[in-house]
C-alpha atoms as a PDB file:
ATOM      1  CA  MET A   1      36.303  28.415  47.092  1.00  0.00           C
ATOM      2  CA  SER A   2      35.685  24.972  45.816  1.00  0.00           C
ATOM      3  CA  ALA A   3      32.603  24.220  47.779  1.00  0.00           C
ATOM      4  CA  LEU A   4      31.351  27.323  46.517  1.00  0.00           C
ATOM      5  CA  THR A   5      32.309  26.746  42.956  1.00  0.00           C
ATOM      6  CA  GLU A   6      30.281  22.946  43.463  1.00  0.00           C
ATOM      7  CA  ARG A   7      27.227  24.836  44.906  1.00  0.00           C
ATOM      8  CA  ALA A   8      27.299  27.518  41.672  1.00  0.00           C
ATOM      9  CA  GLU A   9      27.453  24.642  39.231  1.00  0.00           C
ATOM     10  CA  GLU A  10      24.696  22.948  40.739  1.00  0.00           C
ATOM     11  CA  SER A  11      22.476  25.806  40.539  1.00  0.00           C
ATOM     12  CA  THR A  12      22.807  26.597  36.865  1.00  0.00           C
ATOM     13  CA  ALA A  13      22.971  23.056  35.906  1.00  0.00           C
ATOM     14  CA  PRO A  14      19.768  21.816  34.030  1.00  0.00           C
ATOM     15  CA  GLY A  15      17.369  19.592  35.909  1.00  0.00           C
ATOM     16  CA  PRO A  16      15.439  16.969  35.343  1.00  0.00           C
ATOM     17  CA  ALA A  17      11.963  18.256  33.612  1.00  0.00           C
ATOM     18  CA  ALA A  18       9.135  18.945  35.547  1.00  0.00           C
ATOM     19  CA  PRO A  19       5.958  17.272  35.077  1.00  0.00           C
ATOM     20  CA  GLY A  20       4.082  18.526  31.796  1.00  0.00           C
ATOM     21  CA  GLU A  21       7.314  20.185  30.312  1.00  0.00           C
ATOM     22  CA  THR A  22       9.967  18.702  27.706  1.00  0.00           C
ATOM     23  CA  ALA A  23      13.515  17.876  27.808  1.00  0.00           C
ATOM     24  CA  ALA A  24      15.800  20.638  26.837  1.00  0.00           C
ATOM     25  CA  GLY A  25      16.653  20.263  22.992  1.00  0.00           C
ATOM     26  CA  TYR A  26      13.521  18.107  22.335  1.00  0.00           C
ATOM     27  CA  ARG A  27      11.702  18.671  19.219  1.00  0.00           C
ATOM     28  CA  ALA A  28       8.771  16.472  18.214  1.00  0.00           C
ATOM     29  CA  GLY A  29       9.286  17.361  14.415  1.00  0.00           C
ATOM     30  CA  ARG A  30      12.292  15.331  14.718  1.00  0.00           C
ATOM     31  CA  THR A  31      11.217  12.139  16.314  1.00  0.00           C
ATOM     32  CA  LEU A  32      10.890   9.098  14.203  1.00  0.00           C
ATOM     33  CA  PRO A  33      11.804  10.680  10.949  1.00  0.00           C
ATOM     34  CA  LEU A  34      10.493   8.960   7.391  1.00  0.00           C
ATOM     35  CA  ARG A  35      13.965   7.659   6.767  1.00  0.00           C
ATOM     36  CA  VAL A  36      14.238   5.409   9.324  1.00  0.00           C
ATOM     37  CA  GLU A  37      10.243   4.045   9.478  1.00  0.00           C
ATOM     38  CA  LEU A  38      11.201   3.583   5.894  1.00  0.00           C
ATOM     39  CA  VAL A  39      14.588   1.486   6.670  1.00  0.00           C
ATOM     40  CA  ARG A  40      12.827  -0.652   9.555  1.00  0.00           C
ATOM     41  CA  GLN A  41       9.631  -1.488   6.685  1.00  0.00           C
ATOM     42  CA  LEU A  42      12.489  -2.368   3.937  1.00  0.00           C
ATOM     43  CA  LYS A  43      14.281  -5.142   6.177  1.00  0.00           C
ATOM     44  CA  ARG A  44      11.448  -7.015   7.096  1.00  0.00           C
ATOM     45  CA  ARG A  45      10.717 -10.375   5.753  1.00  0.00           C
ATOM     46  CA  ARG A  46       7.322  -9.793   4.592  1.00  0.00           C
ATOM     47  CA  THR A  47       8.603  -7.149   2.571  1.00  0.00           C
ATOM     48  CA  LEU A  48      11.507  -8.693   0.884  1.00  0.00           C
ATOM     49  CA  VAL A  49       9.378 -11.740   0.021  1.00  0.00           C
ATOM     50  CA  MET A  50       6.436  -9.558  -1.510  1.00  0.00           C
ATOM     51  CA  GLY A  51       8.816  -8.006  -3.193  1.00  0.00           C
ATOM     52  CA  ALA A  52      10.234 -11.455  -4.847  1.00  0.00           C
ATOM     53  CA  VAL A  53       6.646 -12.628  -5.415  1.00  0.00           C
ATOM     54  CA  LEU A  54       5.483  -9.458  -7.558  1.00  0.00           C
ATOM     55  CA  ALA A  55       8.869  -9.514  -9.649  1.00  0.00           C
ATOM     56  CA  LEU A  56       8.448 -13.410 -10.188  1.00  0.00           C
ATOM     57  CA  LEU A  57       5.170 -13.358 -11.510  1.00  0.00           C
ATOM     58  CA  PRO A  58       5.832 -11.719 -15.208  1.00  0.00           C
ATOM     59  CA  PHE A  59       8.510 -14.939 -15.647  1.00  0.00           C
ATOM     60  CA  VAL A  60       5.829 -17.266 -14.632  1.00  0.00           C
ATOM     61  CA  LEU A  61       3.295 -15.364 -16.917  1.00  0.00           C
ATOM     62  CA  VAL A  62       6.149 -16.273 -19.863  1.00  0.00           C
ATOM     63  CA  ALA A  63       6.511 -19.361 -18.899  1.00  0.00           C
ATOM     64  CA  ALA A  64       2.613 -20.133 -19.008  1.00  0.00           C
ATOM     65  CA  PHE A  65       2.501 -18.774 -22.133  1.00  0.00           C
ATOM     66  CA  ALA A  66       5.271 -20.728 -23.542  1.00  0.00           C
ATOM     67  CA  ILE A  67       3.939 -24.070 -22.097  1.00  0.00           C
ATOM     68  CA  GLY A  68       0.351 -23.139 -23.407  1.00  0.00           C
ATOM     69  CA  GLY A  69       1.280 -21.143 -26.636  1.00  0.00           C
ATOM     70  CA  GLU A  70      -0.643 -18.434 -27.917  1.00  0.00           C
ATOM     71  CA  PRO A  71      -3.271 -16.953 -24.867  1.00  0.00           C
ATOM     72  CA  GLU A  72      -6.577 -17.752 -25.853  1.00  0.00           C
ATOM     73  CA  GLY A  73      -8.906 -14.743 -25.286  1.00  0.00           C
ATOM     74  CA  ARG A  74     -11.842 -14.314 -22.473  1.00  0.00           C
ATOM     75  CA  ASN A  75     -15.167 -12.602 -22.789  1.00  0.00           C
ATOM     76  CA  THR A  76     -14.294  -9.539 -20.973  1.00  0.00           C
ATOM     77  CA  ARG A  77     -14.780  -5.990 -20.966  1.00  0.00           C
ATOM     78  CA  VAL A  78     -11.531  -5.380 -22.875  1.00  0.00           C
ATOM     79  CA  ASN A  79      -9.771  -8.361 -23.592  1.00  0.00           C
ATOM     80  CA  LEU A  80      -5.962  -7.730 -23.546  1.00  0.00           C
ATOM     81  CA  MET A  81      -5.392 -11.597 -23.076  1.00  0.00           C
ATOM     82  CA  ASP A  82      -5.543 -12.299 -27.062  1.00  0.00           C
ATOM     83  CA  THR A  83      -2.758  -9.327 -27.701  1.00  0.00           C
ATOM     84  CA  ALA A  84      -0.251 -10.460 -24.648  1.00  0.00           C
ATOM     85  CA  THR A  85       2.351 -11.808 -26.698  1.00  0.00           C
ATOM     86  CA  ALA A  86       2.453  -8.705 -29.337  1.00  0.00           C
ATOM     87  CA  SER A  87       5.143  -6.697 -27.323  1.00  0.00           C
ATOM     88  CA  GLY A  88       6.774  -6.017 -23.919  1.00  0.00           C
ATOM     89  CA  ALA A  89       4.431  -2.993 -23.663  1.00  0.00           C
ATOM     90  CA  ASN A  90       1.244  -5.539 -24.056  1.00  0.00           C
ATOM     91  CA  PHE A  91       2.450  -7.934 -21.689  1.00  0.00           C
ATOM     92  CA  ALA A  92       2.817  -5.094 -19.203  1.00  0.00           C
ATOM     93  CA  ALA A  93      -0.735  -4.404 -19.566  1.00  0.00           C
ATOM     94  CA  VAL A  94      -1.720  -8.424 -19.227  1.00  0.00           C
ATOM     95  CA  SER A  95       0.347  -8.595 -16.191  1.00  0.00           C
ATOM     96  CA  LEU A  96      -1.471  -5.452 -14.402  1.00  0.00           C
ATOM     97  CA  PHE A  97      -4.714  -6.945 -15.799  1.00  0.00           C
ATOM     98  CA  VAL A  98      -4.134 -10.549 -14.065  1.00  0.00           C
ATOM     99  CA  SER A  99      -3.045  -9.200 -11.004  1.00  0.00           C
ATOM    100  CA  ALA A 100      -5.443  -6.107 -10.531  1.00  0.00           C
ATOM    101  CA  GLY A 101      -8.197  -7.724  -9.231  1.00  0.00           C
ATOM    102  CA  PHE A 102      -6.581  -9.568  -6.007  1.00  0.00           C
ATOM    103  CA  LEU A 103      -2.647  -9.935  -5.958  1.00  0.00           C
ATOM    104  CA  LEU A 104      -1.962  -5.934  -6.047  1.00  0.00           C
ATOM    105  CA  VAL A 105      -4.838  -5.989  -3.062  1.00  0.00           C
ATOM    106  CA  ILE A 106      -2.511  -8.244  -0.848  1.00  0.00           C
ATOM    107  CA  PRO A 107       0.691  -6.073  -0.715  1.00  0.00           C
ATOM    108  CA  VAL A 108      -1.339  -2.792  -0.065  1.00  0.00           C
ATOM    109  CA  ALA A 109      -3.347  -4.669   2.572  1.00  0.00           C
ATOM    110  CA  LEU A 110      -0.053  -6.019   3.934  1.00  0.00           C
ATOM    111  CA  PHE A 111       2.010  -3.089   3.987  1.00  0.00           C
ATOM    112  CA  CYS A 112      -0.643  -0.807   5.573  1.00  0.00           C
ATOM    113  CA  GLY A 113      -2.582  -3.263   7.991  1.00  0.00           C
ATOM    114  CA  ASP A 114       1.052  -4.725   9.651  1.00  0.00           C
ATOM    115  CA  THR A 115       2.385  -1.218  10.206  1.00  0.00           C
ATOM    116  CA  VAL A 116       1.159  -0.393  13.570  1.00  0.00           C
ATOM    117  CA  ALA A 117      -0.439  -3.601  14.585  1.00  0.00           C
ATOM    118  CA  SER A 118       2.832  -4.801  14.624  1.00  0.00           C
ATOM    119  CA  GLU A 119       4.426  -2.594  16.866  1.00  0.00           C
ATOM    120  CA  ALA A 120       1.455  -3.236  18.947  1.00  0.00           C
ATOM    121  CA  GLY A 121       1.993  -6.974  19.259  1.00  0.00           C
ATOM    122  CA  TRP A 122       5.726  -6.728  20.156  1.00  0.00           C
ATOM    123  CA  SER A 123       5.012  -4.250  22.814  1.00  0.00           C
ATOM    124  CA  SER A 124       7.417  -1.499  20.851  1.00  0.00           C
ATOM    125  CA  LEU A 125       4.431   0.595  20.257  1.00  0.00           C
ATOM    126  CA  ARG A 126       4.211   2.201  23.868  1.00  0.00           C
ATOM    127  CA  TYR A 127       7.648   2.092  23.768  1.00  0.00           C
ATOM    128  CA  LEU A 128       7.694   4.657  20.696  1.00  0.00           C
ATOM    129  CA  LEU A 129       4.682   7.201  22.583  1.00  0.00           C
ATOM    130  CA  ALA A 130       6.923   7.382  25.560  1.00  0.00           C
ATOM    131  CA  ALA A 131       9.965   8.355  23.870  1.00  0.00           C
ATOM    132  CA  PRO A 132       8.081  10.384  23.396  1.00  0.00           C
ATOM    133  CA  VAL A 133       6.972  10.609  19.995  1.00  0.00           C
ATOM    134  CA  PRO A 134       3.531  12.332  19.361  1.00  0.00           C
ATOM    135  CA  ARG A 135       1.231  10.214  18.213  1.00  0.00           C
ATOM    136  CA  MET A 136      -0.268  11.730  15.064  1.00  0.00           C
ATOM    137  CA  ARG A 137       3.595  12.119  13.986  1.00  0.00           C
ATOM    138  CA  LEU A 138       3.829   8.381  14.109  1.00  0.00           C
ATOM    139  CA  LEU A 139       0.874   7.445  12.855  1.00  0.00           C
ATOM    140  CA  TRP A 140       1.433   9.644   9.874  1.00  0.00           C
ATOM    141  CA  SER A 141       5.018   8.324   9.164  1.00  0.00           C
ATOM    142  CA  LYS A 142       3.665   4.706   9.168  1.00  0.00           C
ATOM    143  CA  LEU A 143       0.779   5.523   7.002  1.00  0.00           C
ATOM    144  CA  ILE A 144       3.276   7.604   4.533  1.00  0.00           C
ATOM    145  CA  VAL A 145       5.564   4.708   4.458  1.00  0.00           C
ATOM    146  CA  GLY A 146       2.811   2.223   4.173  1.00  0.00           C
ATOM    147  CA  LEU A 147       0.963   3.882   1.231  1.00  0.00           C
ATOM    148  CA  GLY A 148       5.030   4.725  -0.339  1.00  0.00           C
ATOM    149  CA  LEU A 149       5.020   1.160  -0.415  1.00  0.00           C
ATOM    150  CA  SER A 150       2.159   0.146  -1.747  1.00  0.00           C
ATOM    151  CA  LEU A 151       2.699   2.042  -4.753  1.00  0.00           C
ATOM    152  CA  ALA A 152       6.336   0.563  -5.019  1.00  0.00           C
ATOM    153  CA  ALA A 153       4.575  -2.543  -5.316  1.00  0.00           C
ATOM    154  CA  MET A 154       2.353  -1.692  -8.042  1.00  0.00           C
ATOM    155  CA  VAL A 155       5.326   0.207  -9.808  1.00  0.00           C
ATOM    156  CA  LEU A 156       7.881  -2.993  -9.537  1.00  0.00           C
ATOM    157  CA  LEU A 157       5.069  -5.411 -11.287  1.00  0.00           C
ATOM    158  CA  PRO A 158       4.765  -3.198 -14.705  1.00  0.00           C
ATOM    159  CA  VAL A 159       8.577  -2.396 -14.818  1.00  0.00           C
ATOM    160  CA  VAL A 160       9.624  -5.573 -14.459  1.00  0.00           C
ATOM    161  CA  ALA A 161       6.972  -7.120 -17.110  1.00  0.00           C
ATOM    162  CA  LEU A 162       8.162  -4.410 -19.318  1.00  0.00           C
ATOM    163  CA  ALA A 163      11.701  -5.477 -18.970  1.00  0.00           C
ATOM    164  CA  VAL A 164      10.962  -9.224 -18.994  1.00  0.00           C
ATOM    165  CA  GLY A 165       8.053  -8.800 -22.026  1.00  0.00           C
ATOM    166  CA  THR A 166      10.750  -6.749 -24.051  1.00  0.00           C
ATOM    167  CA  VAL A 167      13.380  -9.419 -23.796  1.00  0.00           C
ATOM    168  CA  ALA A 168      10.904 -12.461 -24.556  1.00  0.00           C
ATOM    169  CA  TYR A 169       8.293 -10.590 -27.182  1.00  0.00           C
ATOM    170  CA  GLY A 170      10.231  -7.563 -28.256  1.00  0.00           C
ATOM    171  CA  TRP A 171       9.705  -4.001 -28.309  1.00  0.00           C
ATOM    172  CA  GLY A 172       7.191  -2.239 -30.200  1.00  0.00           C
ATOM    173  CA  PRO A 173       3.680  -0.509 -30.000  1.00  0.00           C
ATOM    174  CA  LEU A 174       0.989  -1.313 -27.637  1.00  0.00           C
ATOM    175  CA  HIS A 175      -1.457  -3.481 -29.923  1.00  0.00           C
ATOM    176  CA  ILE A 176      -5.468  -2.530 -28.771  1.00  0.00           C
ATOM    177  CA  PRO A 177      -7.697  -5.065 -28.931  1.00  0.00           C
ATOM    178  CA  THR A 178     -10.331  -3.525 -30.476  1.00  0.00           C
ATOM    179  CA  GLY A 179      -8.012  -2.376 -33.406  1.00  0.00           C
ATOM    180  CA  GLY A 180      -5.069   0.317 -33.944  1.00  0.00           C
ATOM    181  CA  THR A 181      -1.641   0.560 -32.318  1.00  0.00           C
ATOM    182  CA  LEU A 182       0.006   2.760 -29.841  1.00  0.00           C
ATOM    183  CA  ASP A 183       3.301   3.963 -29.770  1.00  0.00           C
ATOM    184  CA  PRO A 184       5.582   3.137 -27.213  1.00  0.00           C
ATOM    185  CA  GLY A 185       6.059   6.398 -25.685  1.00  0.00           C
ATOM    186  CA  THR A 186       2.169   6.848 -25.679  1.00  0.00           C
ATOM    187  CA  ALA A 187       2.047   3.420 -24.520  1.00  0.00           C
ATOM    188  CA  ALA A 188       4.436   4.455 -21.433  1.00  0.00           C
ATOM    189  CA  GLY A 189       2.107   7.091 -20.767  1.00  0.00           C
ATOM    190  CA  ARG A 190      -0.930   5.415 -20.526  1.00  0.00           C
ATOM    191  CA  LEU A 191       0.923   2.338 -18.315  1.00  0.00           C
ATOM    192  CA  THR A 192       1.639   5.204 -15.948  1.00  0.00           C
ATOM    193  CA  VAL A 193      -2.420   6.392 -16.299  1.00  0.00           C
ATOM    194  CA  ILE A 194      -3.172   2.751 -15.122  1.00  0.00           C
ATOM    195  CA  VAL A 195      -0.482   2.795 -12.532  1.00  0.00           C
ATOM    196  CA  ALA A 196      -1.721   5.858 -11.102  1.00  0.00           C
ATOM    197  CA  TYR A 197      -5.386   4.744 -11.245  1.00  0.00           C
ATOM    198  CA  LEU A 198      -4.880   0.973  -9.589  1.00  0.00           C
ATOM    199  CA  PHE A 199      -3.167   2.879  -6.905  1.00  0.00           C
ATOM    200  CA  VAL A 200      -5.956   5.602  -6.339  1.00  0.00           C
ATOM    201  CA  SER A 201      -8.501   2.688  -6.498  1.00  0.00           C
ATOM    202  CA  GLN A 202      -6.968   0.511  -3.620  1.00  0.00           C
ATOM    203  CA  LEU A 203      -6.774   3.419  -1.335  1.00  0.00           C
ATOM    204  CA  VAL A 204      -9.840   1.820   0.020  1.00  0.00           C
ATOM    205  CA  THR A 205      -8.071  -1.489   1.068  1.00  0.00           C
ATOM    206  CA  ALA A 206      -5.094   0.669   2.398  1.00  0.00           C
ATOM    207  CA  ALA A 207      -7.479   3.048   4.476  1.00  0.00           C
ATOM    208  CA  LEU A 208      -9.260  -0.136   5.816  1.00  0.00           C
ATOM    209  CA  ALA A 209      -6.113  -2.332   6.693  1.00  0.00           C
ATOM    210  CA  PHE A 210      -4.830   1.397   8.398  1.00  0.00           C
ATOM    211  CA  TRP A 211      -7.630   1.563  10.365  1.00  0.00           C
ATOM    212  CA  LEU A 212      -8.156  -2.236  11.239  1.00  0.00           C
ATOM    213  CA  SER A 213      -4.161  -2.108  12.716  1.00  0.00           C
ATOM    214  CA  THR A 214      -5.062   0.622  15.058  1.00  0.00           C
ATOM    215  CA  ARG A 215      -7.826  -1.319  16.326  1.00  0.00           C
ATOM    216  CA  THR A 216      -6.311  -4.334  17.019  1.00  0.00           C
ATOM    217  CA  ASP A 217      -2.451  -5.760  18.158  1.00  0.00           C
ATOM    218  CA  ALA A 218      -2.744  -8.945  15.752  1.00  0.00           C
ATOM    219  CA  PRO A 219      -1.565  -7.632  12.433  1.00  0.00           C
ATOM    220  CA  LEU A 220      -3.011 -10.724  10.195  1.00  0.00           C
ATOM    221  CA  GLY A 221      -6.310  -9.617  11.900  1.00  0.00           C
ATOM    222  CA  ALA A 222      -6.025  -6.432  10.168  1.00  0.00           C
ATOM    223  CA  VAL A 223      -4.238  -7.659   6.795  1.00  0.00           C
ATOM    224  CA  GLY A 224      -6.770 -10.454   6.641  1.00  0.00           C
ATOM    225  CA  GLY A 225      -9.757  -8.236   7.436  1.00  0.00           C
ATOM    226  CA  ALA A 226      -8.881  -5.764   5.018  1.00  0.00           C
ATOM    227  CA  VAL A 227      -8.402  -8.703   2.132  1.00  0.00           C
ATOM    228  CA  GLY A 228     -11.791 -10.292   3.169  1.00  0.00           C
ATOM    229  CA  LEU A 229     -13.666  -7.109   3.088  1.00  0.00           C
ATOM    230  CA  THR A 230     -12.203  -6.618  -0.061  1.00  0.00           C
ATOM    231  CA  ILE A 231     -13.356  -9.765  -1.656  1.00  0.00           C
ATOM    232  CA  VAL A 232     -16.619  -9.699  -0.306  1.00  0.00           C
ATOM    233  CA  GLY A 233     -17.065  -6.234  -2.115  1.00  0.00           C
ATOM    234  CA  ASN A 234     -16.271  -8.171  -5.586  1.00  0.00           C
ATOM    235  CA  VAL A 235     -18.726 -10.620  -4.953  1.00  0.00           C
ATOM    236  CA  LEU A 236     -21.036  -7.740  -4.028  1.00  0.00           C
ATOM    237  CA  ASP A 237     -20.705  -5.885  -7.218  1.00  0.00           C
ATOM    238  CA  ALA A 238     -21.371  -9.419  -9.135  1.00  0.00           C
ATOM    239  CA  VAL A 239     -24.698  -9.638  -7.569  1.00  0.00           C
ATOM    240  CA  THR A 240     -26.426  -7.800 -10.576  1.00  0.00           C
ATOM    241  CA  ALA A 241     -29.631  -7.780  -8.661  1.00  0.00           C
ATOM    242  CA  LEU A 242     -28.403  -4.919  -6.643  1.00  0.00           C
ATOM    243  CA  GLY A 243     -28.498  -2.292  -9.744  1.00  0.00           C
ATOM    244  CA  ASP A 244     -27.064   1.058  -9.225  1.00  0.00           C
ATOM    245  CA  TRP A 245     -26.221   0.583  -5.886  1.00  0.00           C
ATOM    246  CA  ARG A 246     -23.209  -1.197  -6.841  1.00  0.00           C
ATOM    247  CA  HIS A 247     -21.831   1.827  -8.709  1.00  0.00           C
ATOM    248  CA  PHE A 248     -21.447   2.749  -5.018  1.00  0.00           C
ATOM    249  CA  LEU A 249     -18.921   0.029  -4.434  1.00  0.00           C
ATOM    250  CA  PRO A 250     -15.243   0.404  -5.008  1.00  0.00           C
ATOM    251  CA  ALA A 251     -15.023  -2.794  -6.594  1.00  0.00           C
ATOM    252  CA  HIS A 252     -17.527  -2.033  -9.306  1.00  0.00           C
ATOM    253  CA  TRP A 253     -14.969   0.613 -10.888  1.00  0.00           C
ATOM    254  CA  GLN A 254     -11.634  -1.725 -10.324  1.00  0.00           C
ATOM    255  CA  PHE A 255     -11.185  -2.334 -14.001  1.00  0.00           C
ATOM    256  CA  ALA A 256     -12.605   1.157 -15.315  1.00  0.00           C
ATOM    257  CA  TRP A 257      -8.491   1.792 -16.301  1.00  0.00           C
ATOM    258  CA  ALA A 258      -9.014  -0.479 -19.439  1.00  0.00           C
ATOM    259  CA  ASP A 259     -10.688   2.755 -20.633  1.00  0.00           C
ATOM    260  CA  ALA A 260      -7.238   3.960 -21.236  1.00  0.00           C
ATOM    261  CA  VAL A 261      -6.398   1.483 -23.774  1.00  0.00           C
ATOM    262  CA  GLN A 262      -8.100   2.979 -26.130  1.00  0.00           C
ATOM    263  CA  PRO A 263      -7.085   5.196 -29.189  1.00  0.00           C
ATOM    264  CA  THR A 264      -8.794   7.798 -27.358  1.00  0.00           C
ATOM    265  CA  PRO A 265      -9.286   7.233 -23.518  1.00  0.00           C
ATOM    266  CA  GLU A 266     -12.255   7.256 -21.706  1.00  0.00           C
ATOM    267  CA  TRP A 267     -11.791   9.193 -18.434  1.00  0.00           C
ATOM    268  CA  SER A 268     -15.467   8.895 -17.065  1.00  0.00           C
ATOM    269  CA  GLY A 269     -15.384   5.300 -15.650  1.00  0.00           C
ATOM    270  CA  MET A 270     -12.169   6.390 -13.966  1.00  0.00           C
ATOM    271  CA  ILE A 271     -13.069   9.887 -12.363  1.00  0.00           C
ATOM    272  CA  GLN A 272     -16.153   8.302 -10.855  1.00  0.00           C
ATOM    273  CA  GLY A 273     -14.092   5.668  -9.664  1.00  0.00           C
ATOM    274  CA  ALA A 274     -11.337   7.561  -8.209  1.00  0.00           C
ATOM    275  CA  SER A 275     -13.923   9.558  -6.276  1.00  0.00           C
ATOM    276  CA  VAL A 276     -15.549   6.399  -4.691  1.00  0.00           C
ATOM    277  CA  SER A 277     -12.307   5.285  -3.521  1.00  0.00           C
ATOM    278  CA  VAL A 278     -10.786   8.624  -2.257  1.00  0.00           C
ATOM    279  CA  THR A 279     -14.179   9.326  -0.207  1.00  0.00           C
ATOM    280  CA  TYR A 280     -14.022   5.927   1.796  1.00  0.00           C
ATOM    281  CA  ALA A 281     -10.584   6.199   2.235  1.00  0.00           C
ATOM    282  CA  LEU A 282     -10.744   9.828   3.647  1.00  0.00           C
ATOM    283  CA  VAL A 283     -13.460   8.341   5.914  1.00  0.00           C
ATOM    284  CA  LEU A 284     -11.432   5.402   7.055  1.00  0.00           C
ATOM    285  CA  PHE A 285      -7.900   7.305   7.485  1.00  0.00           C
ATOM    286  CA  ALA A 286      -9.954  10.129   9.771  1.00  0.00           C
ATOM    287  CA  LEU A 287     -11.621   7.259  11.781  1.00  0.00           C
ATOM    288  CA  ALA A 288      -8.085   5.776  12.349  1.00  0.00           C
ATOM    289  CA  PHE A 289      -6.532   8.984  13.395  1.00  0.00           C
ATOM    290  CA  ARG A 290      -9.495   9.525  15.868  1.00  0.00           C
ATOM    291  CA  GLY A 291      -9.105   6.501  17.646  1.00  0.00           C
ATOM    292  CA  PHE A 292      -5.801   6.353  17.541  1.00  0.00           C
ATOM    293  CA  ALA A 293      -5.475   9.396  19.669  1.00  0.00           C
ATOM    294  CA  ARG A 294      -7.610   8.123  22.172  1.00  0.00           C
ATOM    295  CA  LYS A 295      -6.795   4.984  22.705  1.00  0.00           C
ATOM    296  CA  GLU A 296      -4.740   3.759  25.691  1.00  0.00           C
ATOM    297  CA  TRP A 297      -1.744   1.885  25.685  1.00  0.00           C
ATOM    298  CA  CYS A 298      -1.536   0.307  29.015  1.00  0.00           C
ATOM    299  CA  PRO A 299       2.302  -0.945  30.462  1.00  0.00           C
ATOM    300  CA  ASP A 300       2.963  -4.422  30.821  1.00  0.00           C
ATOM    301  CA  PRO A 301       1.889  -6.447  34.160  1.00  0.00           C
ATOM    302  CA  PRO A 302       4.532  -6.576  37.117  1.00  0.00           C
ATOM    303  CA  GLY A 303       7.103  -9.040  36.702  1.00  0.00           C
ATOM    304  CA  ARG A 304       6.651  -9.561  32.740  1.00  0.00           C
ATOM    305  CA  VAL A 305       8.998  -9.083  30.417  1.00  0.00           C
ATOM    306  CA  THR A 306       8.372  -8.155  26.539  1.00  0.00           C
ATOM    307  CA  SER A 307      10.381  -8.808  23.613  1.00  0.00           C
ATOM    308  CA  THR A 308      10.257  -5.596  21.326  1.00  0.00           C
ATOM    309  CA  ARG A 309      12.648  -7.669  18.490  1.00  0.00           C
ATOM    310  CA  PRO A 310      10.604  -7.877  15.335  1.00  0.00           C
ATOM    311  CA  THR A 311      10.036 -11.223  14.022  1.00  0.00           C
ATOM    312  CA  GLY A 312       9.145 -10.840  11.012  1.00  0.00           C
END
């Protein structure tokens, strides 16, 4: 009887999945949850360091204003520097103004450019794909987390600046350089609009970094390439000989958010800038997904042991 029972159990026990089949209970939608990817990225040193840099910038600006006295205005489109110490809201707006051109580009390029390339560099990407995690789900998870961290970085700076500026200069309305003030509630809404526009305008850098990240296993190359090409765009925008061709450059609209710091906001510049940025971003994101879906990931050579532990 025992032999018959063993044979019956063997005939009903699930065997290994045949080629082309999936294991019992496998659900592609349950692989690599967003919370797992988010926790992994939050624990990395580069995330913590970048967050610390952005949080410390308002303190550096307060110290600079205290040492140098009242800020002197510069010949810019909308001069916010003259009103930097008028209130906490003004200080938050100035913090965004001085960081929008370059500083905020770095976390966006870092969070979106390092995410896939670092996995390839650690040789852990091929093991994720062999788990098996569907390629499109893997890429979507990393893109959503990268964009989420980029948005968090852009929110962190004005929030800390508003708190630091309120302590240093007091709570009050937003003083407009061209005259007039905005009450604190309206000023908070305008700052929200500014952050939203900055995020949309940086989608080009995010998409460029993400596309480069799917093309290389060198994170520094993806991040540096995105930052470098963004700087090239800023340089080209400064070439007035290009005339109206500059309107097709995302860099041409990077400070269009200054139109929101007016008694009556002007939306046309921000709409044009957002349209240009979103168009470029969609093309680059499509290239990233298309290329990643077709890319072959070769296993390690025989006898080679590759560490998959993150180093940064």
